[in-house]
Amino acid sequence: MRRAIEFYRTSDGFAPTEEFLDALSDKVAQKIIAVMELVEAEFIIPAKFFKKLVGTDLYEVRIRWQSNIYRLLCFFAGDDRVVVTHGFIKKSQKTPQGEIARAERYRRDYYKRRNE
């Protein structure tokens, strides 16, 4: 089973994930894209790269590069589509509540506009 990866866009066309990736070095962006391709292609994704956030409908794509930890938050839209809301560099042990709240807002907006 192959999943489609979709980057969330606001109603005015802004794509937070694209902006995040564009701000990174080419090597880091390539590593993130390689992990996204794994998420797209594999039915069972190793927890090292993909993990459900407890108490939410969100997942995080997990990338470690040198001494930095990169995260992309996402959700499933059906069985075959993963919508990536945005990315950030993780600086603490737990995923920041502000980042989770932002992804939840984007998720609600996605479904609201999809059902209009």
PDB file of N, CA and C in Angstrom:
ATOM      1  N   MET A   1       0.846  -1.187   0.000  1.00  0.00           N
ATOM      2  CA  MET A   1       0.000   0.000   0.000  1.00  0.00           C
ATOM      3  C   MET A   1       0.883   1.239   0.000  1.00  0.00           C
ATOM      4  N   ARG A   2       0.628   2.111  -0.881  1.00  0.00           N
ATOM      5  CA  ARG A   2       1.385   3.360  -0.973  1.00  0.00           C
ATOM      6  C   ARG A   2       0.508   4.502  -0.495  1.00  0.00           C
ATOM      7  N   ARG A   3       1.055   5.325   0.378  1.00  0.00           N
ATOM      8  CA  ARG A   3       0.329   6.498   0.864  1.00  0.00           C
ATOM      9  C   ARG A   3       0.732   7.723   0.056  1.00  0.00           C
ATOM     10  N   ALA A   4      -0.176   8.672  -0.018  1.00  0.00           N
ATOM     11  CA  ALA A   4       0.147   9.966  -0.619  1.00  0.00           C
ATOM     12  C   ALA A   4       0.514  10.923   0.519  1.00  0.00           C
ATOM     13  N   ILE A   5       1.558  11.699   0.308  1.00  0.00           N
ATOM     14  CA  ILE A   5       1.951  12.730   1.258  1.00  0.00           C
ATOM     15  C   ILE A   5       1.452  14.056   0.707  1.00  0.00           C
ATOM     16  N   GLU A   6       0.763  14.804   1.546  1.00  0.00           N
ATOM     17  CA  GLU A   6       0.247  16.113   1.152  1.00  0.00           C
ATOM     18  C   GLU A   6       0.716  17.133   2.177  1.00  0.00           C
ATOM     19  N   PHE A   7       1.212  18.261   1.708  1.00  0.00           N
ATOM     20  CA  PHE A   7       1.576  19.340   2.617  1.00  0.00           C
ATOM     21  C   PHE A   7       0.357  20.234   2.803  1.00  0.00           C
ATOM     22  N   TYR A   8       0.001  20.462   4.058  1.00  0.00           N
ATOM     23  CA  TYR A   8      -1.123  21.337   4.382  1.00  0.00           C
ATOM     24  C   TYR A   8      -0.870  22.729   3.820  1.00  0.00           C
ATOM     25  N   ARG A   9      -1.930  23.347   3.306  1.00  0.00           N
ATOM     26  CA  ARG A   9      -1.892  24.738   2.837  1.00  0.00           C
ATOM     27  C   ARG A   9      -3.014  25.511   3.503  1.00  0.00           C
ATOM     28  N   THR A  10      -2.709  26.727   3.926  1.00  0.00           N
ATOM     29  CA  THR A  10      -3.743  27.593   4.490  1.00  0.00           C
ATOM     30  C   THR A  10      -4.672  28.037   3.363  1.00  0.00           C
ATOM     31  N   SER A  11      -5.745  28.703   3.717  1.00  0.00           N
ATOM     32  CA  SER A  11      -6.718  29.139   2.715  1.00  0.00           C
ATOM     33  C   SER A  11      -6.107  30.113   1.700  1.00  0.00           C
ATOM     34  N   ASP A  12      -5.042  30.807   2.089  1.00  0.00           N
ATOM     35  CA  ASP A  12      -4.384  31.731   1.150  1.00  0.00           C
ATOM     36  C   ASP A  12      -3.199  31.092   0.410  1.00  0.00           C
ATOM     37  N   GLY A  13      -3.039  29.767   0.556  1.00  0.00           N
ATOM     38  CA  GLY A  13      -2.016  29.055  -0.204  1.00  0.00           C
ATOM     39  C   GLY A  13      -0.674  28.884   0.485  1.00  0.00           C
ATOM     40  N   PHE A  14      -0.516  29.399   1.691  1.00  0.00           N
ATOM     41  CA  PHE A  14       0.734  29.278   2.426  1.00  0.00           C
ATOM     42  C   PHE A  14       0.929  27.829   2.876  1.00  0.00           C
ATOM     43  N   ALA A  15       2.129  27.287   2.654  1.00  0.00           N
ATOM     44  CA  ALA A  15       2.447  25.906   3.040  1.00  0.00           C
ATOM     45  C   ALA A  15       3.552  25.924   4.096  1.00  0.00           C
ATOM     46  N   PRO A  16       3.194  25.803   5.389  1.00  0.00           N
ATOM     47  CA  PRO A  16       4.200  25.858   6.457  1.00  0.00           C
ATOM     48  C   PRO A  16       5.323  24.832   6.311  1.00  0.00           C
ATOM     49  N   THR A  17       5.004  23.633   5.839  1.00  0.00           N
ATOM     50  CA  THR A  17       6.035  22.596   5.699  1.00  0.00           C
ATOM     51  C   THR A  17       7.047  22.980   4.627  1.00  0.00           C
ATOM     52  N   GLU A  18       6.564  23.509   3.514  1.00  0.00           N
ATOM     53  CA  GLU A  18       7.478  23.935   2.449  1.00  0.00           C
ATOM     54  C   GLU A  18       8.398  25.042   2.940  1.00  0.00           C
ATOM     55  N   GLU A  19       7.852  25.997   3.691  1.00  0.00           N
ATOM     56  CA  GLU A  19       8.682  27.082   4.229  1.00  0.00           C
ATOM     57  C   GLU A  19       9.754  26.526   5.169  1.00  0.00           C
ATOM     58  N   PHE A  20       9.371  25.562   6.008  1.00  0.00           N
ATOM     59  CA  PHE A  20      10.317  24.937   6.927  1.00  0.00           C
ATOM     60  C   PHE A  20      11.440  24.243   6.157  1.00  0.00           C
ATOM     61  N   LEU A  21      11.081  23.437   5.171  1.00  0.00           N
ATOM     62  CA  LEU A  21      12.090  22.712   4.390  1.00  0.00           C
ATOM     63  C   LEU A  21      13.005  23.658   3.617  1.00  0.00           C
ATOM     64  N   ASP A  22      12.444  24.731   3.076  1.00  0.00           N
ATOM     65  CA  ASP A  22      13.241  25.699   2.319  1.00  0.00           C
ATOM     66  C   ASP A  22      14.286  26.395   3.183  1.00  0.00           C
ATOM     67  N   ALA A  23      14.023  26.495   4.490  1.00  0.00           N
ATOM     68  CA  ALA A  23      14.943  27.185   5.397  1.00  0.00           C
ATOM     69  C   ALA A  23      16.101  26.291   5.855  1.00  0.00           C
ATOM     70  N   LEU A  24      16.032  24.997   5.552  1.00  0.00           N
ATOM     71  CA  LEU A  24      17.061  24.052   6.003  1.00  0.00           C
ATOM     72  C   LEU A  24      18.165  23.901   4.963  1.00  0.00           C
ATOM     73  N   SER A  25      19.288  23.365   5.407  1.00  0.00           N
ATOM     74  CA  SER A  25      20.365  23.067   4.464  1.00  0.00           C
ATOM     75  C   SER A  25      19.898  21.955   3.530  1.00  0.00           C
ATOM     76  N   ASP A  26      20.549  21.844   2.381  1.00  0.00           N
ATOM     77  CA  ASP A  26      20.172  20.819   1.411  1.00  0.00           C
ATOM     78  C   ASP A  26      20.305  19.412   1.993  1.00  0.00           C
ATOM     79  N   LYS A  27      21.360  19.158   2.757  1.00  0.00           N
ATOM     80  CA  LYS A  27      21.585  17.824   3.324  1.00  0.00           C
ATOM     81  C   LYS A  27      20.468  17.437   4.290  1.00  0.00           C
ATOM     82  N   VAL A  28      20.062  18.367   5.144  1.00  0.00           N
ATOM     83  CA  VAL A  28      18.989  18.081   6.105  1.00  0.00           C
ATOM     84  C   VAL A  28      17.676  17.877   5.359  1.00  0.00           C
ATOM     85  N   ALA A  29      17.377  18.742   4.407  1.00  0.00           N
ATOM     86  CA  ALA A  29      16.143  18.618   3.630  1.00  0.00           C
ATOM     87  C   ALA A  29      16.100  17.281   2.893  1.00  0.00           C
ATOM     88  N   GLN A  30      17.228  16.843   2.350  1.00  0.00           N
ATOM     89  CA  GLN A  30      17.285  15.550   1.656  1.00  0.00           C
ATOM     90  C   GLN A  30      17.006  14.395   2.616  1.00  0.00           C
ATOM     91  N   LYS A  31      17.545  14.471   3.813  1.00  0.00           N
ATOM     92  CA  LYS A  31      17.309  13.426   4.823  1.00  0.00           C
ATOM     93  C   LYS A  31      15.825  13.383   5.189  1.00  0.00           C
ATOM     94  N   ILE A  32      15.213  14.551   5.384  1.00  0.00           N
ATOM     95  CA  ILE A  32      13.791  14.609   5.721  1.00  0.00           C
ATOM     96  C   ILE A  32      12.955  14.039   4.581  1.00  0.00           C
ATOM     97  N   ILE A  33      13.279  14.389   3.368  1.00  0.00           N
ATOM     98  CA  ILE A  33      12.528  13.870   2.214  1.00  0.00           C
ATOM     99  C   ILE A  33      12.684  12.348   2.113  1.00  0.00           C
ATOM    100  N   ALA A  34      13.862  11.829   2.404  1.00  0.00           N
ATOM    101  CA  ALA A  34      14.074  10.376   2.379  1.00  0.00           C
ATOM    102  C   ALA A  34      13.180   9.686   3.421  1.00  0.00           C
ATOM    103  N   VAL A  35      13.064  10.268   4.601  1.00  0.00           N
ATOM    104  CA  VAL A  35      12.192   9.688   5.630  1.00  0.00           C
ATOM    105  C   VAL A  35      10.729   9.806   5.203  1.00  0.00           C
ATOM    106  N   MET A  36      10.360  10.911   4.578  1.00  0.00           N
ATOM    107  CA  MET A  36       8.981  11.069   4.091  1.00  0.00           C
ATOM    108  C   MET A  36       8.666  10.011   3.025  1.00  0.00           C
ATOM    109  N   GLU A  37       9.628   9.693   2.197  1.00  0.00           N
ATOM    110  CA  GLU A  37       9.436   8.642   1.190  1.00  0.00           C
ATOM    111  C   GLU A  37       9.219   7.275   1.861  1.00  0.00           C
ATOM    112  N   LEU A  38       9.891   7.047   2.978  1.00  0.00           N
ATOM    113  CA  LEU A  38       9.679   5.823   3.747  1.00  0.00           C
ATOM    114  C   LEU A  38       8.248   5.776   4.287  1.00  0.00           C
ATOM    115  N   VAL A  39       7.775   6.892   4.823  1.00  0.00           N
ATOM    116  CA  VAL A  39       6.398   6.981   5.327  1.00  0.00           C
ATOM    117  C   VAL A  39       5.407   6.718   4.199  1.00  0.00           C
ATOM    118  N   GLU A  40       5.721   7.216   3.045  1.00  0.00           N
ATOM    119  CA  GLU A  40       4.858   7.058   1.875  1.00  0.00           C
ATOM    120  C   GLU A  40       4.797   5.600   1.404  1.00  0.00           C
ATOM    121  N   ALA A  41       5.914   4.912   1.464  1.00  0.00           N
ATOM    122  CA  ALA A  41       6.030   3.603   0.832  1.00  0.00           C
ATOM    123  C   ALA A  41       5.763   2.406   1.751  1.00  0.00           C
ATOM    124  N   GLU A  42       6.080   2.513   3.022  1.00  0.00           N
ATOM    125  CA  GLU A  42       6.017   1.359   3.917  1.00  0.00           C
ATOM    126  C   GLU A  42       4.687   1.268   4.662  1.00  0.00           C
ATOM    127  N   PHE A  43       4.152   0.062   4.746  1.00  0.00           N
ATOM    128  CA  PHE A  43       2.913  -0.156   5.491  1.00  0.00           C
ATOM    129  C   PHE A  43       3.163   0.008   6.987  1.00  0.00           C
ATOM    130  N   ILE A  44       4.236  -0.612   7.477  1.00  0.00           N
ATOM    131  CA  ILE A  44       4.620  -0.471   8.883  1.00  0.00           C
ATOM    132  C   ILE A  44       5.891   0.368   8.923  1.00  0.00           C
ATOM    133  N   ILE A  45       5.783   1.516   9.572  1.00  0.00           N
ATOM    134  CA  ILE A  45       6.896   2.463   9.627  1.00  0.00           C
ATOM    135  C   ILE A  45       7.584   2.317  10.987  1.00  0.00           C
ATOM    136  N   PRO A  46       8.893   2.136  11.014  1.00  0.00           N
ATOM    137  CA  PRO A  46       9.590   2.000  12.300  1.00  0.00           C
ATOM    138  C   PRO A  46       9.348   3.209  13.214  1.00  0.00           C
ATOM    139  N   ALA A  47       9.154   2.944  14.505  1.00  0.00           N
ATOM    140  CA  ALA A  47       8.899   4.007  15.483  1.00  0.00           C
ATOM    141  C   ALA A  47      10.045   5.018  15.541  1.00  0.00           C
ATOM    142  N   LYS A  48      11.210   4.600  15.117  1.00  0.00           N
ATOM    143  CA  LYS A  48      12.351   5.520  15.063  1.00  0.00           C
ATOM    144  C   LYS A  48      12.024   6.728  14.169  1.00  0.00           C
ATOM    145  N   PHE A  49      11.160   6.517  13.167  1.00  0.00           N
ATOM    146  CA  PHE A  49      10.844   7.566  12.199  1.00  0.00           C
ATOM    147  C   PHE A  49       9.422   8.111  12.294  1.00  0.00           C
ATOM    148  N   PHE A  50       8.524   7.393  12.963  1.00  0.00           N
ATOM    149  CA  PHE A  50       7.108   7.772  12.908  1.00  0.00           C
ATOM    150  C   PHE A  50       6.430   7.336  14.193  1.00  0.00           C
ATOM    151  N   LYS A  51       5.779   8.264  14.884  1.00  0.00           N
ATOM    152  CA  LYS A  51       5.199   7.940  16.172  1.00  0.00           C
ATOM    153  C   LYS A  51       3.900   8.708  16.380  1.00  0.00           C
ATOM    154  N   LYS A  52       2.905   8.043  16.950  1.00  0.00           N
ATOM    155  CA  LYS A  52       1.641   8.707  17.286  1.00  0.00           C
ATOM    156  C   LYS A  52       1.846   9.527  18.546  1.00  0.00           C
ATOM    157  N   LEU A  53       1.282  10.734  18.560  1.00  0.00           N
ATOM    158  CA  LEU A  53       1.341  11.570  19.754  1.00  0.00           C
ATOM    159  C   LEU A  53       0.158  11.203  20.645  1.00  0.00           C
ATOM    160  N   VAL A  54       0.432  10.776  21.845  1.00  0.00           N
ATOM    161  CA  VAL A  54      -0.583  10.309  22.778  1.00  0.00           C
ATOM    162  C   VAL A  54      -1.606  11.409  23.055  1.00  0.00           C
ATOM    163  N   GLY A  55      -2.878  11.030  23.047  1.00  0.00           N
ATOM    164  CA  GLY A  55      -3.950  11.965  23.371  1.00  0.00           C
ATOM    165  C   GLY A  55      -4.357  12.868  22.223  1.00  0.00           C
ATOM    166  N   THR A  56      -3.843  12.598  21.021  1.00  0.00           N
ATOM    167  CA  THR A  56      -4.186  13.416  19.857  1.00  0.00           C
ATOM    168  C   THR A  56      -4.445  12.499  18.664  1.00  0.00           C
ATOM    169  N   ASP A  57      -4.862  13.102  17.559  1.00  0.00           N
ATOM    170  CA  ASP A  57      -4.973  12.386  16.288  1.00  0.00           C
ATOM    171  C   ASP A  57      -3.761  12.660  15.409  1.00  0.00           C
ATOM    172  N   LEU A  58      -2.705  13.158  16.018  1.00  0.00           N
ATOM    173  CA  LEU A  58      -1.508  13.557  15.287  1.00  0.00           C
ATOM    174  C   LEU A  58      -0.401  12.514  15.405  1.00  0.00           C
ATOM    175  N   TYR A  59       0.481  12.559  14.419  1.00  0.00           N
ATOM    176  CA  TYR A  59       1.690  11.747  14.399  1.00  0.00           C
ATOM    177  C   TYR A  59       2.864  12.688  14.186  1.00  0.00           C
ATOM    178  N   GLU A  60       4.058  12.209  14.549  1.00  0.00           N
ATOM    179  CA  GLU A  60       5.240  12.996  14.240  1.00  0.00           C
ATOM    180  C   GLU A  60       6.200  12.149  13.421  1.00  0.00           C
ATOM    181  N   VAL A  61       6.729  12.776  12.373  1.00  0.00           N
ATOM    182  CA  VAL A  61       7.796  12.186  11.579  1.00  0.00           C
ATOM    183  C   VAL A  61       9.078  12.640  12.260  1.00  0.00           C
ATOM    184  N   ARG A  62       9.938  11.684  12.565  1.00  0.00           N
ATOM    185  CA  ARG A  62      11.106  11.955  13.403  1.00  0.00           C
ATOM    186  C   ARG A  62      12.390  11.810  12.599  1.00  0.00           C
ATOM    187  N   ILE A  63      13.200  12.864  12.626  1.00  0.00           N
ATOM    188  CA  ILE A  63      14.461  12.856  11.892  1.00  0.00           C
ATOM    189  C   ILE A  63      15.564  13.384  12.813  1.00  0.00           C
ATOM    190  N   ARG A  64      16.648  12.642  12.883  1.00  0.00           N
ATOM    191  CA  ARG A  64      17.825  13.104  13.634  1.00  0.00           C
ATOM    192  C   ARG A  64      18.931  13.338  12.616  1.00  0.00           C
ATOM    193  N   TRP A  65      19.538  14.514  12.686  1.00  0.00           N
ATOM    194  CA  TRP A  65      20.660  14.819  11.807  1.00  0.00           C
ATOM    195  C   TRP A  65      21.721  15.524  12.638  1.00  0.00           C
ATOM    196  N   GLN A  66      22.865  14.890  12.751  1.00  0.00           N
ATOM    197  CA  GLN A  66      23.962  15.375  13.573  1.00  0.00           C
ATOM    198  C   GLN A  66      23.438  15.605  14.991  1.00  0.00           C
ATOM    199  N   SER A  67      23.537  16.804  15.529  1.00  0.00           N
ATOM    200  CA  SER A  67      23.090  17.018  16.915  1.00  0.00           C
ATOM    201  C   SER A  67      21.675  17.586  16.989  1.00  0.00           C
ATOM    202  N   ASN A  68      20.980  17.707  15.871  1.00  0.00           N
ATOM    203  CA  ASN A  68      19.631  18.279  15.874  1.00  0.00           C
ATOM    204  C   ASN A  68      18.558  17.214  15.685  1.00  0.00           C
ATOM    205  N   ILE A  69      17.396  17.508  16.222  1.00  0.00           N
ATOM    206  CA  ILE A  69      16.235  16.636  16.076  1.00  0.00           C
ATOM    207  C   ILE A  69      15.153  17.440  15.358  1.00  0.00           C
ATOM    208  N   TYR A  70      14.719  16.926  14.226  1.00  0.00           N
ATOM    209  CA  TYR A  70      13.702  17.592  13.413  1.00  0.00           C
ATOM    210  C   TYR A  70      12.406  16.811  13.511  1.00  0.00           C
ATOM    211  N   ARG A  71      11.290  17.534  13.552  1.00  0.00           N
ATOM    212  CA  ARG A  71       9.987  16.899  13.614  1.00  0.00           C
ATOM    213  C   ARG A  71       9.048  17.538  12.597  1.00  0.00           C
ATOM    214  N   LEU A  72       8.242  16.688  11.983  1.00  0.00           N
ATOM    215  CA  LEU A  72       7.148  17.136  11.132  1.00  0.00           C
ATOM    216  C   LEU A  72       5.885  16.547  11.739  1.00  0.00           C
ATOM    217  N   LEU A  73       4.895  17.377  12.012  1.00  0.00           N
ATOM    218  CA  LEU A  73       3.641  16.867  12.549  1.00  0.00           C
ATOM    219  C   LEU A  73       2.678  16.617  11.402  1.00  0.00           C
ATOM    220  N   CYS A  74       1.866  15.581  11.555  1.00  0.00           N
ATOM    221  CA  CYS A  74       0.976  15.188  10.473  1.00  0.00           C
ATOM    222  C   CYS A  74      -0.230  14.441  11.016  1.00  0.00           C
ATOM    223  N   PHE A  75      -1.181  14.144  10.119  1.00  0.00           N
ATOM    224  CA  PHE A  75      -2.346  13.340  10.467  1.00  0.00           C
ATOM    225  C   PHE A  75      -2.771  12.555   9.238  1.00  0.00           C
ATOM    226  N   PHE A  76      -3.539  11.499   9.470  1.00  0.00           N
ATOM    227  CA  PHE A  76      -4.072  10.703   8.378  1.00  0.00           C
ATOM    228  C   PHE A  76      -5.395  11.293   7.922  1.00  0.00           C
ATOM    229  N   ALA A  77      -5.565  11.421   6.616  1.00  0.00           N
ATOM    230  CA  ALA A  77      -6.840  11.826   6.012  1.00  0.00           C
ATOM    231  C   ALA A  77      -7.275  10.605   5.198  1.00  0.00           C
ATOM    232  N   GLY A  78      -8.011   9.707   5.835  1.00  0.00           N
ATOM    233  CA  GLY A  78      -8.322   8.428   5.219  1.00  0.00           C
ATOM    234  C   GLY A  78      -7.156   7.477   5.447  1.00  0.00           C
ATOM    235  N   ASP A  79      -7.209   6.326   4.792  1.00  0.00           N
ATOM    236  CA  ASP A  79      -6.167   5.317   4.985  1.00  0.00           C
ATOM    237  C   ASP A  79      -4.929   5.554   4.144  1.00  0.00           C
ATOM    238  N   ASP A  80      -5.069   6.343   3.080  1.00  0.00           N
ATOM    239  CA  ASP A  80      -3.982   6.425   2.105  1.00  0.00           C
ATOM    240  C   ASP A  80      -3.397   7.826   1.927  1.00  0.00           C
ATOM    241  N   ARG A  81      -3.700   8.741   2.832  1.00  0.00           N
ATOM    242  CA  ARG A  81      -3.173  10.105   2.711  1.00  0.00           C
ATOM    243  C   ARG A  81      -2.665  10.580   4.070  1.00  0.00           C
ATOM    244  N   VAL A  82      -1.437  11.100   4.069  1.00  0.00           N
ATOM    245  CA  VAL A  82      -0.849  11.711   5.259  1.00  0.00           C
ATOM    246  C   VAL A  82      -0.680  13.190   4.953  1.00  0.00           C
ATOM    247  N   VAL A  83      -1.305  14.020   5.774  1.00  0.00           N
ATOM    248  CA  VAL A  83      -1.217  15.469   5.598  1.00  0.00           C
ATOM    249  C   VAL A  83      -0.210  16.003   6.612  1.00  0.00           C
ATOM    250  N   VAL A  84       0.862  16.591   6.114  1.00  0.00           N
ATOM    251  CA  VAL A  84       1.923  17.143   6.960  1.00  0.00           C
ATOM    252  C   VAL A  84       1.594  18.609   7.223  1.00  0.00           C
ATOM    253  N   THR A  85       1.461  18.955   8.502  1.00  0.00           N
ATOM    254  CA  THR A  85       1.049  20.316   8.851  1.00  0.00           C
ATOM    255  C   THR A  85       2.215  21.296   8.863  1.00  0.00           C
ATOM    256  N   HIS A  86       3.299  20.940   9.537  1.00  0.00           N
ATOM    257  CA  HIS A  86       4.446  21.846   9.640  1.00  0.00           C
ATOM    258  C   HIS A  86       5.616  21.105  10.284  1.00  0.00           C
ATOM    259  N   GLY A  87       6.758  21.757  10.287  1.00  0.00           N
ATOM    260  CA  GLY A  87       7.946  21.176  10.885  1.00  0.00           C
ATOM    261  C   GLY A  87       8.603  22.137  11.851  1.00  0.00           C
ATOM    262  N   PHE A  88       9.454  21.591  12.695  1.00  0.00           N
ATOM    263  CA  PHE A  88      10.197  22.409  13.656  1.00  0.00           C
ATOM    264  C   PHE A  88      11.413  21.627  14.129  1.00  0.00           C
ATOM    265  N   ILE A  89      12.346  22.345  14.739  1.00  0.00           N
ATOM    266  CA  ILE A  89      13.511  21.710  15.355  1.00  0.00           C
ATOM    267  C   ILE A  89      13.169  21.510  16.824  1.00  0.00           C
ATOM    268  N   LYS A  90      13.256  20.282  17.262  1.00  0.00           N
ATOM    269  CA  LYS A  90      12.879  19.941  18.629  1.00  0.00           C
ATOM    270  C   LYS A  90      14.046  20.208  19.562  1.00  0.00           C
ATOM    271  N   LYS A  91      13.780  20.986  20.607  1.00  0.00           N
ATOM    272  CA  LYS A  91      14.845  21.367  21.524  1.00  0.00           C
ATOM    273  C   LYS A  91      14.643  20.813  22.933  1.00  0.00           C
ATOM    274  N   SER A  92      13.504  20.161  23.165  1.00  0.00           N
ATOM    275  CA  SER A  92      13.239  19.603  24.487  1.00  0.00           C
ATOM    276  C   SER A  92      12.812  18.144  24.347  1.00  0.00           C
ATOM    277  N   GLN A  93      12.733  17.454  25.470  1.00  0.00           N
ATOM    278  CA  GLN A  93      12.376  16.031  25.461  1.00  0.00           C
ATOM    279  C   GLN A  93      10.963  15.810  24.920  1.00  0.00           C
ATOM    280  N   LYS A  94      10.021  16.636  25.356  1.00  0.00           N
ATOM    281  CA  LYS A  94       8.633  16.480  24.937  1.00  0.00           C
ATOM    282  C   LYS A  94       8.338  17.396  23.754  1.00  0.00           C
ATOM    283  N   THR A  95       7.382  16.971  22.926  1.00  0.00           N
ATOM    284  CA  THR A  95       6.939  17.818  21.821  1.00  0.00           C
ATOM    285  C   THR A  95       6.219  19.020  22.432  1.00  0.00           C
ATOM    286  N   PRO A  96       6.627  20.248  22.091  1.00  0.00           N
ATOM    287  CA  PRO A  96       6.022  21.443  22.684  1.00  0.00           C
ATOM    288  C   PRO A  96       4.513  21.520  22.428  1.00  0.00           C
ATOM    289  N   GLN A  97       3.761  21.871  23.475  1.00  0.00           N
ATOM    290  CA  GLN A  97       2.303  21.989  23.370  1.00  0.00           C
ATOM    291  C   GLN A  97       1.900  22.995  22.301  1.00  0.00           C
ATOM    292  N   GLY A  98       2.665  24.059  22.134  1.00  0.00           N
ATOM    293  CA  GLY A  98       2.349  25.059  21.112  1.00  0.00           C
ATOM    294  C   GLY A  98       2.392  24.476  19.708  1.00  0.00           C
ATOM    295  N   GLU A  99       3.344  23.575  19.474  1.00  0.00           N
ATOM    296  CA  GLU A  99       3.447  22.926  18.159  1.00  0.00           C
ATOM    297  C   GLU A  99       2.281  21.963  17.939  1.00  0.00           C
ATOM    298  N   ILE A 100       1.889  21.256  18.991  1.00  0.00           N
ATOM    299  CA  ILE A 100       0.740  20.355  18.894  1.00  0.00           C
ATOM    300  C   ILE A 100      -0.531  21.161  18.627  1.00  0.00           C
ATOM    301  N   ALA A 101      -0.716  22.267  19.349  1.00  0.00           N
ATOM    302  CA  ALA A 101      -1.902  23.111  19.162  1.00  0.00           C
ATOM    303  C   ALA A 101      -1.945  23.673  17.742  1.00  0.00           C
ATOM    304  N   ARG A 102      -0.808  24.073  17.225  1.00  0.00           N
ATOM    305  CA  ARG A 102      -0.741  24.585  15.853  1.00  0.00           C
ATOM    306  C   ARG A 102      -1.164  23.511  14.848  1.00  0.00           C
ATOM    307  N   ALA A 103      -0.654  22.289  15.010  1.00  0.00           N
ATOM    308  CA  ALA A 103      -1.015  21.188  14.115  1.00  0.00           C
ATOM    309  C   ALA A 103      -2.508  20.868  14.222  1.00  0.00           C
ATOM    310  N   GLU A 104      -3.055  20.915  15.432  1.00  0.00           N
ATOM    311  CA  GLU A 104      -4.497  20.664  15.617  1.00  0.00           C
ATOM    312  C   GLU A 104      -5.329  21.733  14.909  1.00  0.00           C
ATOM    313  N   ARG A 105      -4.896  22.989  14.992  1.00  0.00           N
ATOM    314  CA  ARG A 105      -5.603  24.086  14.280  1.00  0.00           C
ATOM    315  C   ARG A 105      -5.585  23.829  12.780  1.00  0.00           C
ATOM    316  N   TYR A 106      -4.423  23.479  12.263  1.00  0.00           N
ATOM    317  CA  TYR A 106      -4.301  23.198  10.836  1.00  0.00           C
ATOM    318  C   TYR A 106      -5.173  22.007  10.447  1.00  0.00           C
ATOM    319  N   ARG A 107      -5.231  20.984  11.287  1.00  0.00           N
ATOM    320  CA  ARG A 107      -6.047  19.799  11.002  1.00  0.00           C
ATOM    321  C   ARG A 107      -7.532  20.177  10.930  1.00  0.00           C
ATOM    322  N   ARG A 108      -7.988  20.948  11.920  1.00  0.00           N
ATOM    323  CA  ARG A 108      -9.398  21.386  11.906  1.00  0.00           C
ATOM    324  C   ARG A 108      -9.699  22.214  10.660  1.00  0.00           C
ATOM    325  N   ASP A 109      -8.788  23.123  10.320  1.00  0.00           N
ATOM    326  CA  ASP A 109      -8.980  23.959   9.133  1.00  0.00           C
ATOM    327  C   ASP A 109      -9.020  23.106   7.867  1.00  0.00           C
ATOM    328  N   TYR A 110      -8.164  22.120   7.784  1.00  0.00           N
ATOM    329  CA  TYR A 110      -8.102  21.227   6.630  1.00  0.00           C
ATOM    330  C   TYR A 110      -9.454  20.555   6.424  1.00  0.00           C
ATOM    331  N   TYR A 111     -10.005  19.977   7.484  1.00  0.00           N
ATOM    332  CA  TYR A 111     -11.277  19.280   7.344  1.00  0.00           C
ATOM    333  C   TYR A 111     -12.441  20.234   7.116  1.00  0.00           C
ATOM    334  N   LYS A 112     -12.392  21.390   7.739  1.00  0.00           N
ATOM    335  CA  LYS A 112     -13.460  22.379   7.538  1.00  0.00           C
ATOM    336  C   LYS A 112     -13.516  22.790   6.062  1.00  0.00           C
ATOM    337  N   ARG A 113     -12.382  23.120   5.480  1.00  0.00           N
ATOM    338  CA  ARG A 113     -12.359  23.549   4.078  1.00  0.00           C
ATOM    339  C   ARG A 113     -12.610  22.389   3.132  1.00  0.00           C
ATOM    340  N   ARG A 114     -12.232  21.205   3.512  1.00  0.00           N
ATOM    341  CA  ARG A 114     -12.446  20.031   2.667  1.00  0.00           C
ATOM    342  C   ARG A 114     -13.936  19.668   2.580  1.00  0.00           C
ATOM    343  N   ASN A 115     -14.676  19.954   3.652  1.00  0.00           N
ATOM    344  CA  ASN A 115     -16.096  19.602   3.699  1.00  0.00           C
ATOM    345  C   ASN A 115     -17.028  20.720   3.267  1.00  0.00           C
ATOM    346  N   GLU A 116     -16.478  21.865   2.884  1.00  0.00           N
ATOM    347  CA  GLU A 116     -17.335  22.984   2.453  1.00  0.00           C
ATOM    348  C   GLU A 116     -17.897  22.749   1.090  1.00  0.00           C
TER     349      GLU A 116
END
